[in-house]
Amino acid sequence: MENEFTNAIRFLKAVSLLASPNGTTVKGLAKTLGISRRSVFRLLNTFERLGFPLTDDKPHLKGEKTYRLANTYVLKLPNIAIPDPRLTNEEIIYILAVLDEHRQFNPLSETPTLNSAKEKLAAMIQGKRKGKAHDRHGNTKRHR
């Protein structure tokens, strides 16, 4: 399930891969980020347009080109670790149950923000239950 953070998360994961000492290949980026080769080239182009100092080299005549951020730039990057933000059905149900229990003991805690969050979580469950197959992370499975 794609949300508004998916592209940002992919971008940060790409930064992390490109900042590694050995860099990464187009194939590595595509596999890790779950995108096509064409999308990887668009992403690399975006990095260049944003002023990220990318280097590319081909270690062997038969090897795949490796991309990495310039060493002088990598030192400026923070250590990036990105948790998986997708919730399973069980996690969503648990959060909704905790929120309902909290409301029972503190009825004054109802706020527009809390109600909005509960509605979004409930909608996520409904969307997942409309006959689509999902993996253990709650993602829609693609049939080939």
C-alpha atoms as a PDB file:
ATOM      1  CA  MET A   1       0.000   0.000   0.000  1.00  0.00           C
ATOM      2  CA  GLU A   2       1.583   3.238  -1.135  1.00  0.00           C
ATOM      3  CA  ASN A   3       1.234   6.361   0.983  1.00  0.00           C
ATOM      4  CA  GLU A   4       2.607   9.888   0.932  1.00  0.00           C
ATOM      5  CA  PHE A   5       5.843   8.774   2.637  1.00  0.00           C
ATOM      6  CA  THR A   6       6.730   5.974   0.209  1.00  0.00           C
ATOM      7  CA  ASN A   7       8.790   8.160  -2.144  1.00  0.00           C
ATOM      8  CA  ALA A   8      10.556   9.894   0.736  1.00  0.00           C
ATOM      9  CA  ILE A   9      11.434   6.547   2.277  1.00  0.00           C
ATOM     10  CA  ARG A  10      12.733   5.252  -1.055  1.00  0.00           C
ATOM     11  CA  PHE A  11      14.802   8.407  -1.488  1.00  0.00           C
ATOM     12  CA  LEU A  12      16.366   8.038   1.980  1.00  0.00           C
ATOM     13  CA  LYS A  13      17.077   4.345   1.401  1.00  0.00           C
ATOM     14  CA  ALA A  14      18.743   5.281  -1.897  1.00  0.00           C
ATOM     15  CA  VAL A  15      20.893   7.885  -0.106  1.00  0.00           C
ATOM     16  CA  SER A  16      21.938   5.231   2.384  1.00  0.00           C
ATOM     17  CA  LEU A  17      22.870   2.765  -0.391  1.00  0.00           C
ATOM     18  CA  LEU A  18      24.750   5.395  -2.393  1.00  0.00           C
ATOM     19  CA  ALA A  19      26.602   6.559   0.737  1.00  0.00           C
ATOM     20  CA  SER A  20      27.946   3.069   1.477  1.00  0.00           C
ATOM     21  CA  PRO A  21      31.693   2.656   0.819  1.00  0.00           C
ATOM     22  CA  ASN A  22      31.128   0.367  -2.176  1.00  0.00           C
ATOM     23  CA  GLY A  23      28.168   2.299  -3.546  1.00  0.00           C
ATOM     24  CA  THR A  24      25.490   0.378  -5.408  1.00  0.00           C
ATOM     25  CA  THR A  25      24.407  -0.638  -8.874  1.00  0.00           C
ATOM     26  CA  VAL A  26      21.223   0.075 -10.799  1.00  0.00           C
ATOM     27  CA  LYS A  27      20.233  -3.538 -10.195  1.00  0.00           C
ATOM     28  CA  GLY A  28      20.892  -3.166  -6.438  1.00  0.00           C
ATOM     29  CA  LEU A  29      18.828   0.010  -6.205  1.00  0.00           C
ATOM     30  CA  ALA A  30      15.962  -1.510  -8.189  1.00  0.00           C
ATOM     31  CA  LYS A  31      15.848  -4.618  -6.011  1.00  0.00           C
ATOM     32  CA  THR A  32      16.186  -2.845  -2.655  1.00  0.00           C
ATOM     33  CA  LEU A  33      13.731  -0.065  -3.483  1.00  0.00           C
ATOM     34  CA  GLY A  34      11.276  -2.280  -5.363  1.00  0.00           C
ATOM     35  CA  ILE A  35      11.274  -0.110  -8.477  1.00  0.00           C
ATOM     36  CA  SER A  36      12.064  -0.603 -12.170  1.00  0.00           C
ATOM     37  CA  ARG A  37      15.449   0.084 -13.770  1.00  0.00           C
ATOM     38  CA  ARG A  38      13.887   3.032 -15.568  1.00  0.00           C
ATOM     39  CA  SER A  39      12.727   4.473 -12.227  1.00  0.00           C
ATOM     40  CA  VAL A  40      16.251   4.013 -10.842  1.00  0.00           C
ATOM     41  CA  PHE A  41      17.675   6.132 -13.671  1.00  0.00           C
ATOM     42  CA  ARG A  42      15.034   8.791 -12.967  1.00  0.00           C
ATOM     43  CA  LEU A  43      16.028   8.700  -9.299  1.00  0.00           C
ATOM     44  CA  LEU A  44      19.725   9.072 -10.138  1.00  0.00           C
ATOM     45  CA  ASN A  45      18.830  12.002 -12.400  1.00  0.00           C
ATOM     46  CA  THR A  46      16.895  13.570  -9.504  1.00  0.00           C
ATOM     47  CA  PHE A  47      19.942  13.226  -7.249  1.00  0.00           C
ATOM     48  CA  GLU A  48      22.052  15.042  -9.833  1.00  0.00           C
ATOM     49  CA  ARG A  49      19.463  17.820 -10.324  1.00  0.00           C
ATOM     50  CA  LEU A  50      19.367  18.327  -6.535  1.00  0.00           C
ATOM     51  CA  GLY A  51      23.136  18.780  -6.479  1.00  0.00           C
ATOM     52  CA  PHE A  52      24.114  15.446  -4.917  1.00  0.00           C
ATOM     53  CA  PRO A  53      27.694  14.718  -6.045  1.00  0.00           C
ATOM     54  CA  LEU A  54      27.289  11.283  -7.677  1.00  0.00           C
ATOM     55  CA  THR A  55      30.182   9.372  -9.129  1.00  0.00           C
ATOM     56  CA  ASP A  56      29.910   6.350 -11.363  1.00  0.00           C
ATOM     57  CA  ASP A  57      32.521   3.878 -12.389  1.00  0.00           C
ATOM     58  CA  LYS A  58      32.727   0.485 -13.973  1.00  0.00           C
ATOM     59  CA  PRO A  59      35.191  -1.642 -11.985  1.00  0.00           C
ATOM     60  CA  HIS A  60      35.707  -4.268 -14.708  1.00  0.00           C
ATOM     61  CA  LEU A  61      34.979  -4.297 -18.384  1.00  0.00           C
ATOM     62  CA  LYS A  62      32.235  -6.868 -17.833  1.00  0.00           C
ATOM     63  CA  GLY A  63      30.955  -5.508 -14.505  1.00  0.00           C
ATOM     64  CA  GLU A  64      27.947  -3.337 -13.878  1.00  0.00           C
ATOM     65  CA  LYS A  65      28.473   0.389 -13.310  1.00  0.00           C
ATOM     66  CA  THR A  66      28.618   1.346  -9.625  1.00  0.00           C
ATOM     67  CA  TYR A  67      27.133   4.609  -8.345  1.00  0.00           C
ATOM     68  CA  ARG A  68      28.110   6.309  -5.108  1.00  0.00           C
ATOM     69  CA  LEU A  69      28.050   9.667  -3.441  1.00  0.00           C
ATOM     70  CA  ALA A  70      31.381  11.490  -3.536  1.00  0.00           C
ATOM     71  CA  ASN A  71      33.537  10.699  -0.493  1.00  0.00           C
ATOM     72  CA  THR A  72      33.726  14.349   0.538  1.00  0.00           C
ATOM     73  CA  TYR A  73      29.928  14.515   0.634  1.00  0.00           C
ATOM     74  CA  VAL A  74      29.360  11.257   2.478  1.00  0.00           C
ATOM     75  CA  LEU A  75      31.099  12.615   5.551  1.00  0.00           C
ATOM     76  CA  LYS A  76      28.324  15.225   5.856  1.00  0.00           C
ATOM     77  CA  LEU A  77      25.506  12.653   5.885  1.00  0.00           C
ATOM     78  CA  PRO A  78      23.972  11.442   9.139  1.00  0.00           C
ATOM     79  CA  ASN A  79      23.720   7.743   9.828  1.00  0.00           C
ATOM     80  CA  ILE A  80      20.420   6.829   8.190  1.00  0.00           C
ATOM     81  CA  ALA A  81      18.308   3.922   9.387  1.00  0.00           C
ATOM     82  CA  ILE A  82      14.747   3.724   8.116  1.00  0.00           C
ATOM     83  CA  PRO A  83      12.106   1.640   9.899  1.00  0.00           C
ATOM     84  CA  ASP A  84       9.368   0.036   7.858  1.00  0.00           C
ATOM     85  CA  PRO A  85       6.304   2.280   8.419  1.00  0.00           C
ATOM     86  CA  ARG A  86       3.715  -0.182   7.113  1.00  0.00           C
ATOM     87  CA  LEU A  87       1.348  -1.556   9.738  1.00  0.00           C
ATOM     88  CA  THR A  88      -0.041  -5.071   9.780  1.00  0.00           C
ATOM     89  CA  ASN A  89      -3.768  -5.638  10.345  1.00  0.00           C
ATOM     90  CA  GLU A  90      -2.974  -6.856  13.865  1.00  0.00           C
ATOM     91  CA  GLU A  91      -1.033  -3.672  14.672  1.00  0.00           C
ATOM     92  CA  ILE A  92      -3.858  -1.461  13.412  1.00  0.00           C
ATOM     93  CA  ILE A  93      -6.487  -3.385  15.404  1.00  0.00           C
ATOM     94  CA  TYR A  94      -4.319  -3.179  18.528  1.00  0.00           C
ATOM     95  CA  ILE A  95      -3.848   0.586  18.180  1.00  0.00           C
ATOM     96  CA  LEU A  96      -7.595   1.103  17.688  1.00  0.00           C
ATOM     97  CA  ALA A  97      -8.334  -1.044  20.761  1.00  0.00           C
ATOM     98  CA  VAL A  98      -5.871   0.943  22.887  1.00  0.00           C
ATOM     99  CA  LEU A  99      -7.396   4.221  21.691  1.00  0.00           C
ATOM    100  CA  ASP A 100     -10.922   3.004  22.522  1.00  0.00           C
ATOM    101  CA  GLU A 101      -9.806   1.814  25.956  1.00  0.00           C
ATOM    102  CA  HIS A 102      -8.118   5.151  26.605  1.00  0.00           C
ATOM    103  CA  ARG A 103     -11.324   6.968  25.601  1.00  0.00           C
ATOM    104  CA  GLN A 104     -13.349   4.920  28.103  1.00  0.00           C
ATOM    105  CA  PHE A 105     -11.133   6.053  30.982  1.00  0.00           C
ATOM    106  CA  ASN A 106     -10.612   9.599  29.763  1.00  0.00           C
ATOM    107  CA  PRO A 107     -13.671  10.739  27.764  1.00  0.00           C
ATOM    108  CA  LEU A 108     -12.341  14.308  27.559  1.00  0.00           C
ATOM    109  CA  SER A 109      -9.390  13.159  25.453  1.00  0.00           C
ATOM    110  CA  GLU A 110     -11.447  13.081  22.237  1.00  0.00           C
ATOM    111  CA  THR A 111      -9.917  15.589  19.843  1.00  0.00           C
ATOM    112  CA  PRO A 112     -10.306  16.159  16.113  1.00  0.00           C
ATOM    113  CA  THR A 113      -6.757  14.877  15.584  1.00  0.00           C
ATOM    114  CA  LEU A 114      -7.409  11.677  17.532  1.00  0.00           C
ATOM    115  CA  ASN A 115     -10.708  11.095  15.732  1.00  0.00           C
ATOM    116  CA  SER A 116      -9.014  11.683  12.374  1.00  0.00           C
ATOM    117  CA  ALA A 117      -6.270   9.179  13.208  1.00  0.00           C
ATOM    118  CA  LYS A 118      -8.826   6.567  14.269  1.00  0.00           C
ATOM    119  CA  GLU A 119     -10.819   7.065  11.059  1.00  0.00           C
ATOM    120  CA  LYS A 120      -7.679   6.633   8.935  1.00  0.00           C
ATOM    121  CA  LEU A 121      -6.674   3.474  10.785  1.00  0.00           C
ATOM    122  CA  ALA A 122     -10.190   2.042  10.439  1.00  0.00           C
ATOM    123  CA  ALA A 123     -10.146   2.876   6.709  1.00  0.00           C
ATOM    124  CA  MET A 124      -6.821   1.035   6.334  1.00  0.00           C
ATOM    125  CA  ILE A 125      -8.426  -2.101   7.793  1.00  0.00           C
ATOM    126  CA  GLN A 126     -11.462  -1.752   5.517  1.00  0.00           C
ATOM    127  CA  GLY A 127      -9.245  -1.319   2.460  1.00  0.00           C
ATOM    128  CA  LYS A 128      -7.306  -4.447   3.348  1.00  0.00           C
ATOM    129  CA  ARG A 129     -10.459  -6.515   3.820  1.00  0.00           C
ATOM    130  CA  LYS A 130     -11.978  -5.869   0.373  1.00  0.00           C
ATOM    131  CA  GLY A 131     -10.935  -9.237  -0.979  1.00  0.00           C
ATOM    132  CA  LYS A 132      -7.310  -8.429  -1.776  1.00  0.00           C
ATOM    133  CA  ALA A 133      -4.567 -10.875  -0.863  1.00  0.00           C
ATOM    134  CA  HIS A 134      -1.937  -9.484   1.514  1.00  0.00           C
ATOM    135  CA  ASP A 135       1.455 -10.613   2.752  1.00  0.00           C
ATOM    136  CA  ARG A 136       2.467 -10.753   6.422  1.00  0.00           C
ATOM    137  CA  HIS A 137       3.230  -7.000   6.376  1.00  0.00           C
ATOM    138  CA  GLY A 138      -0.240  -6.055   5.138  1.00  0.00           C
ATOM    139  CA  ASN A 139       0.957  -5.277   1.603  1.00  0.00           C
ATOM    140  CA  THR A 140      -1.196  -6.158  -1.374  1.00  0.00           C
ATOM    141  CA  LYS A 141       0.228  -9.194  -3.159  1.00  0.00           C
ATOM    142  CA  ARG A 142       0.690  -8.917  -6.887  1.00  0.00           C
ATOM    143  CA  HIS A 143      -0.424 -11.848  -8.981  1.00  0.00           C
ATOM    144  CA  ARG A 144       1.700 -12.630 -12.019  1.00  0.00           C
END
